[in-house]
């Protein structure tokens, strides 16, 4: 199928800022349980990004950001020891107008323009706008959805009451084998819109069902939106992995992304919380930075 001009614009929306622990960004010798309880320092604020793709078949989101209710409603997070752990893991700063709807409006879109939203994984800072996406198809991996039924999901960062909302149209996918040379070294994927421009790729590690999104535009740099495979593209390029998740799987995903980067030297890596992502996207698209944060 002819994909020329299928993608008209790619932008990024910020739904606030987050500070995390240094060991969260780059894995060290310390297990997560140790650094989570022992760390006394935070990183500088990092963005909470959702990516916006204007495709000829409709507006597509990659991730849905953080819900402002997480900083305004005392009961948003679990209570007890689990709630204490959430508080030690991340600190959020979300302005009154830093909602997904307001961010899209800043780009000239309405929330109802969103046709499809791909959720990289089900942690709170990627599902915050779900309640606003009642007219969209919500795509998540079956492997990720299955983690909601695991024992004590809240200890895994999964708050079902903010995810499995009434009225949402969930589509649970399992990437299928592919011989598409453009996605190598990945051997499976999901063609989101059926024209090859948006390929959903499995990148487990941070969570069991984490997904990335490859955005292909003829004659222009390829984009790879990676969720939390890394928190900084330079850290990924150096072969380091973050401190949250299955380290073996994270190393495998990192190696595959780096091999894809070697095959495509102009590949732009776009994590969810990378302070340099907006500028990297602007350089890859030849546009002025489009980080919309109302």
Protein backbone atom coordinates (compact mmCIF):
# COMPACT_ATOMS: atom_id res chain seq x y z
CA UNK A 1 0.00 0.00 0.00
CA UNK A 2 1.21 3.51 -0.81
CA UNK A 3 2.17 5.17 2.46
CA UNK A 4 3.25 8.51 0.99
CA UNK A 5 1.91 11.38 3.11
CA UNK A 6 0.01 8.95 5.36
CA UNK A 7 1.49 10.71 8.41
CA UNK A 8 1.03 14.45 8.32
CA UNK A 9 2.39 15.48 11.70
CA UNK A 10 3.96 14.01 14.84
CA UNK A 11 3.90 15.95 18.10
CA UNK A 12 4.43 15.45 21.81
CA UNK A 13 2.18 16.44 24.71
CA UNK A 14 3.44 16.83 28.29
CA UNK A 15 1.01 15.96 31.09
CA UNK A 16 3.28 17.25 33.83
CA UNK A 17 6.66 16.42 35.29
CA UNK A 18 8.01 13.61 37.43
CA UNK A 19 11.08 13.19 39.61
CA UNK A 20 12.42 9.70 40.17
CA UNK A 21 15.42 8.13 41.86
CA UNK A 22 18.80 8.04 40.06
CA UNK A 23 18.83 4.21 40.32
CA UNK A 24 15.47 4.25 38.55
CA UNK A 25 17.00 5.89 35.48
CA UNK A 26 20.12 3.70 35.32
CA UNK A 27 20.36 0.31 36.98
CA UNK A 28 23.14 -0.16 39.54
CA UNK A 29 24.24 -3.10 41.66
CA UNK A 30 21.53 -2.25 44.18
CA UNK A 31 18.27 -4.23 43.92
CA UNK A 32 15.15 -2.10 43.58
CA UNK A 33 13.99 -2.90 47.12
CA UNK A 34 17.26 -1.48 48.46
CA UNK A 35 17.47 1.75 46.48
CA UNK A 36 13.76 2.45 46.81
CA UNK A 37 14.03 2.47 50.59
CA UNK A 38 17.54 3.91 50.91
CA UNK A 39 17.69 6.64 48.27
CA UNK A 40 17.56 10.24 49.51
CA UNK A 41 17.93 12.01 46.16
CA UNK A 42 15.66 12.75 43.21
CA UNK A 43 16.45 13.42 39.58
CA UNK A 44 15.68 16.85 38.13
CA UNK A 45 12.09 17.03 36.81
CA UNK A 46 11.46 14.89 33.73
CA UNK A 47 8.52 15.17 31.32
CA UNK A 48 5.53 12.83 31.24
CA UNK A 49 5.11 12.54 27.48
CA UNK A 50 2.35 11.27 25.26
CA UNK A 51 3.01 11.25 21.52
CA UNK A 52 0.46 12.41 18.95
CA UNK A 53 0.43 11.14 15.37
CA UNK A 54 -1.81 12.76 12.78
CA UNK A 55 -2.43 9.92 10.34
CA UNK A 56 -4.70 10.20 7.32
CA UNK A 57 -6.94 7.54 8.92
CA UNK A 58 -7.28 9.42 12.18
CA UNK A 59 -5.40 10.73 15.20
CA UNK A 60 -3.25 8.18 17.06
CA UNK A 61 -1.78 8.50 20.56
CA UNK A 62 1.11 6.61 22.05
CA UNK A 63 0.44 6.62 25.79
CA UNK A 64 -2.02 8.77 27.71
CA UNK A 65 0.14 10.53 30.30
CA UNK A 66 -0.56 11.15 33.98
CA UNK A 67 -3.90 12.04 35.56
CA UNK A 68 -3.95 15.37 37.41
CA UNK A 69 -6.19 13.68 39.96
CA UNK A 70 -3.04 11.90 41.16
CA UNK A 71 -1.89 15.16 42.77
CA UNK A 72 -5.29 16.56 43.77
CA UNK A 73 -7.22 13.56 45.13
CA UNK A 74 -5.87 12.06 48.39
CA UNK A 75 -7.41 8.66 47.63
CA UNK A 76 -5.93 8.28 44.15
CA UNK A 77 -3.06 6.05 45.30
CA UNK A 78 -3.30 2.95 47.48
CA UNK A 79 -3.06 3.40 51.21
CA UNK A 80 -0.82 1.74 53.77
CA UNK A 81 2.65 0.46 53.03
CA UNK A 82 1.90 0.19 49.30
CA UNK A 83 1.06 3.89 49.22
CA UNK A 84 4.31 4.71 51.01
CA UNK A 85 6.25 2.83 48.33
CA UNK A 86 4.43 4.75 45.59
CA UNK A 87 5.45 7.98 47.29
CA UNK A 88 9.09 6.93 47.44
CA UNK A 89 9.15 5.87 43.80
CA UNK A 90 8.09 9.13 42.14
CA UNK A 91 7.16 12.73 42.85
CA UNK A 92 4.75 14.47 40.45
CA UNK A 93 4.11 18.08 39.53
CA UNK A 94 1.03 18.49 37.30
CA UNK A 95 -0.52 21.85 36.57
CA UNK A 96 -4.23 22.56 36.42
CA UNK A 97 -4.19 22.64 32.61
CA UNK A 98 -1.79 19.76 32.08
CA UNK A 99 -4.46 17.27 31.10
CA UNK A 100 -4.45 15.20 27.94
CA UNK A 101 -7.44 17.12 26.62
CA UNK A 102 -5.81 20.51 27.22
CA UNK A 103 -2.54 19.35 25.67
CA UNK A 104 -4.29 18.19 22.51
CA UNK A 105 -6.18 21.48 22.33
CA UNK A 106 -2.83 23.26 22.45
CA UNK A 107 -1.92 21.41 19.27
CA UNK A 108 -5.21 22.25 17.59
CA UNK A 109 -6.94 18.90 18.19
CA UNK A 110 -9.94 17.83 20.23
CA UNK A 111 -9.88 14.77 22.48
CA UNK A 112 -12.64 13.25 20.32
CA UNK A 113 -10.31 13.43 17.32
CA UNK A 114 -8.33 10.53 18.80
CA UNK A 115 -9.17 7.36 16.89
CA UNK A 116 -6.63 5.00 18.49
CA UNK A 117 -4.47 5.11 21.62
CA UNK A 118 -1.63 2.61 22.03
CA UNK A 119 -0.69 2.16 25.69
CA UNK A 120 2.94 1.14 26.14
CA UNK A 121 2.16 -0.37 29.54
CA UNK A 122 -0.33 0.07 32.35
CA UNK A 123 1.61 2.09 34.92
CA UNK A 124 -0.11 5.22 36.21
CA UNK A 125 1.93 7.75 34.23
CA UNK A 126 0.93 6.15 30.92
CA UNK A 127 -2.81 5.62 31.51
CA UNK A 128 -3.80 8.92 33.10
CA UNK A 129 -5.91 10.16 30.19
CA UNK A 130 -7.93 6.97 29.70
CA UNK A 131 -11.09 8.48 31.16
CA UNK A 132 -10.92 11.17 28.47
CA UNK A 133 -10.61 8.67 25.60
CA UNK A 134 -14.16 7.33 25.48
CA UNK A 135 -14.35 7.64 21.67
CA UNK A 136 -11.04 5.90 20.94
CA UNK A 137 -9.91 2.32 20.48
CA UNK A 138 -7.45 1.54 23.28
CA UNK A 139 -4.69 -0.87 22.28
CA UNK A 140 -2.67 -2.81 24.85
CA UNK A 141 -0.81 -6.09 24.69
CA UNK A 142 -2.59 -9.18 25.96
CA UNK A 143 0.48 -9.98 28.04
CA UNK A 144 0.23 -6.58 29.74
CA UNK A 145 -3.50 -6.92 30.34
CA UNK A 146 -2.95 -10.30 31.95
CA UNK A 147 -0.75 -8.69 34.62
CA UNK A 148 -3.87 -7.03 36.05
CA UNK A 149 -4.90 -10.48 37.25
CA UNK A 150 -1.55 -11.21 38.89
CA UNK A 151 -1.33 -11.39 42.69
CA UNK A 152 -1.28 -7.96 44.36
CA UNK A 153 -1.16 -5.93 41.15
CA UNK A 154 -0.90 -2.62 43.01
CA UNK A 155 2.57 -3.62 44.20
CA UNK A 156 3.46 -3.90 40.51
CA UNK A 157 2.26 -0.35 39.87
CA UNK A 158 -1.11 -1.42 38.45
CA UNK A 159 -4.19 0.34 39.82
CA UNK A 160 -7.08 -1.44 38.13
CA UNK A 161 -9.67 1.10 39.27
CA UNK A 162 -7.92 3.70 37.09
CA UNK A 163 -7.45 1.33 34.13
CA UNK A 164 -10.48 -0.90 33.60
CA UNK A 165 -12.93 1.98 33.28
CA UNK A 166 -16.50 1.61 32.02
CA UNK A 167 -17.15 2.69 28.44
CA UNK A 168 -13.62 2.17 27.10
CA UNK A 169 -13.06 0.11 23.94
CA UNK A 170 -10.07 -2.08 24.77
CA UNK A 171 -8.27 -4.03 22.06
CA UNK A 172 -5.84 -6.58 23.48
CA UNK A 173 -3.26 -7.61 20.91
CA UNK A 174 -0.55 -10.23 20.61
CA UNK A 175 2.24 -9.29 18.18
CA UNK A 176 2.49 -11.82 15.37
CA UNK A 177 5.55 -13.13 13.49
CA UNK A 178 6.66 -10.83 10.70
CA UNK A 179 9.27 -10.94 7.95
CA UNK A 180 9.16 -7.18 7.43
CA UNK A 181 12.85 -6.23 7.06
CA UNK A 182 12.08 -2.73 8.25
CA UNK A 183 11.41 -3.89 11.79
CA UNK A 184 14.49 -6.14 12.12
CA UNK A 185 15.87 -7.33 14.45
CA UNK A 186 12.34 -7.61 15.83
CA UNK A 187 10.69 -10.77 14.58
CA UNK A 188 7.11 -9.97 15.59
CA UNK A 189 4.87 -6.94 15.50
CA UNK A 190 1.40 -5.59 14.91
CA UNK A 191 0.54 -3.36 11.94
CA UNK A 192 -1.69 -0.87 13.72
CA UNK A 193 -3.53 0.66 10.74
CA UNK A 194 -2.74 -1.91 8.08
CA UNK A 195 -0.50 0.29 5.93
CA UNK A 196 2.90 -0.36 7.51
CA UNK A 197 3.39 3.16 8.82
CA UNK A 198 2.74 2.37 12.49
CA UNK A 199 4.21 -0.91 13.73
CA UNK A 200 3.64 -1.96 17.34
CA UNK A 201 6.65 -3.90 18.63
CA UNK A 202 7.01 -6.03 21.77
CA UNK A 203 9.63 -4.67 24.17
CA UNK A 204 9.03 -6.50 27.47
CA UNK A 205 11.24 -5.85 30.44
CA UNK A 206 9.98 -2.79 32.28
CA UNK A 207 6.71 -4.73 32.44
CA UNK A 208 5.89 -8.15 30.97
CA UNK A 209 3.82 -6.72 28.13
CA UNK A 210 5.48 -3.41 27.32
CA UNK A 211 5.08 -2.16 23.74
CA UNK A 212 6.94 0.32 21.54
CA UNK A 213 5.71 2.04 18.39
CA UNK A 214 7.75 2.36 15.19
CA UNK A 215 6.64 5.31 13.03
CA UNK A 216 7.77 5.09 9.40
CA UNK A 217 7.56 8.04 7.01
CA UNK A 218 9.02 7.72 3.50
CA UNK A 219 12.03 9.95 2.98
CA UNK A 220 12.14 11.04 6.62
CA UNK A 221 13.83 9.74 9.78
CA UNK A 222 12.11 6.80 11.44
CA UNK A 223 10.75 7.33 14.94
CA UNK A 224 10.67 4.76 17.74
CA UNK A 225 8.51 5.56 20.75
CA UNK A 226 9.73 3.26 23.51
CA UNK A 227 7.71 4.04 26.64
CA UNK A 228 9.90 3.13 29.62
CA UNK A 229 12.38 0.82 27.88
CA UNK A 230 14.68 3.68 28.87
CA UNK A 231 14.35 7.08 30.52
CA UNK A 232 17.10 8.65 28.42
CA UNK A 233 18.07 7.79 24.84
CA UNK A 234 21.75 8.37 25.61
CA UNK A 235 21.59 5.87 28.47
CA UNK A 236 20.04 3.33 26.10
CA UNK A 237 22.67 3.97 23.42
CA UNK A 238 25.36 3.24 26.01
CA UNK A 239 23.72 -0.14 26.64
CA UNK A 240 22.51 0.64 30.17
CA UNK A 241 19.05 -0.35 31.40
CA UNK A 242 16.72 1.26 33.94
CA UNK A 243 16.38 0.01 37.49
CA UNK A 244 12.73 -1.08 37.37
CA UNK A 245 11.73 -4.30 35.66
CA UNK A 246 13.20 -7.60 34.57
CA UNK A 247 16.86 -6.81 33.90
CA UNK A 248 17.42 -9.71 31.51
CA UNK A 249 14.45 -8.72 29.37
CA UNK A 250 15.43 -5.06 29.56
CA UNK A 251 18.91 -5.89 28.32
CA UNK A 252 17.40 -7.89 25.44
CA UNK A 253 15.03 -5.07 24.49
CA UNK A 254 17.84 -2.51 24.75
CA UNK A 255 20.09 -4.62 22.53
CA UNK A 256 17.35 -4.98 19.90
CA UNK A 257 16.61 -1.26 19.88
CA UNK A 258 20.32 -0.50 19.56
CA UNK A 259 20.62 -2.96 16.69
CA UNK A 260 17.71 -1.25 14.96
CA UNK A 261 19.46 2.08 15.54
CA UNK A 262 22.57 0.71 13.83
CA UNK A 263 20.47 -0.40 10.87
CA UNK A 264 18.78 3.01 10.71
CA UNK A 265 21.33 5.67 11.73
CA UNK A 266 18.67 8.40 11.59
CA UNK A 267 16.35 6.54 13.99
CA UNK A 268 15.00 8.90 16.65
CA UNK A 269 14.47 7.20 20.03
CA UNK A 270 11.59 8.80 21.94
CA UNK A 271 11.15 7.65 25.55
CA UNK A 272 8.26 8.82 27.71
CA UNK A 273 10.39 10.65 30.29
CA UNK A 274 13.45 11.81 28.36
CA UNK A 275 14.07 15.57 28.74
CA UNK A 276 15.64 15.61 25.26
CA UNK A 277 12.80 13.82 23.48
CA UNK A 278 10.91 16.91 22.31
CA UNK A 279 13.99 18.41 20.69
CA UNK A 280 14.92 15.04 19.17
CA UNK A 281 11.44 14.76 17.67
CA UNK A 282 11.63 18.30 16.31
CA UNK A 283 14.96 17.57 14.66
CA UNK A 284 13.63 14.34 13.12
CA UNK A 285 10.48 15.98 11.76
CA UNK A 286 12.06 19.26 10.67
CA UNK A 287 9.52 21.17 12.75
CA UNK A 288 9.80 23.58 15.62
CA UNK A 289 9.54 21.80 19.00
CA UNK A 290 5.88 20.90 19.57
CA UNK A 291 5.86 20.02 23.27
CA UNK A 292 2.33 21.07 24.18
CA UNK A 293 1.94 21.66 27.91
CA UNK A 294 -1.02 23.84 28.76
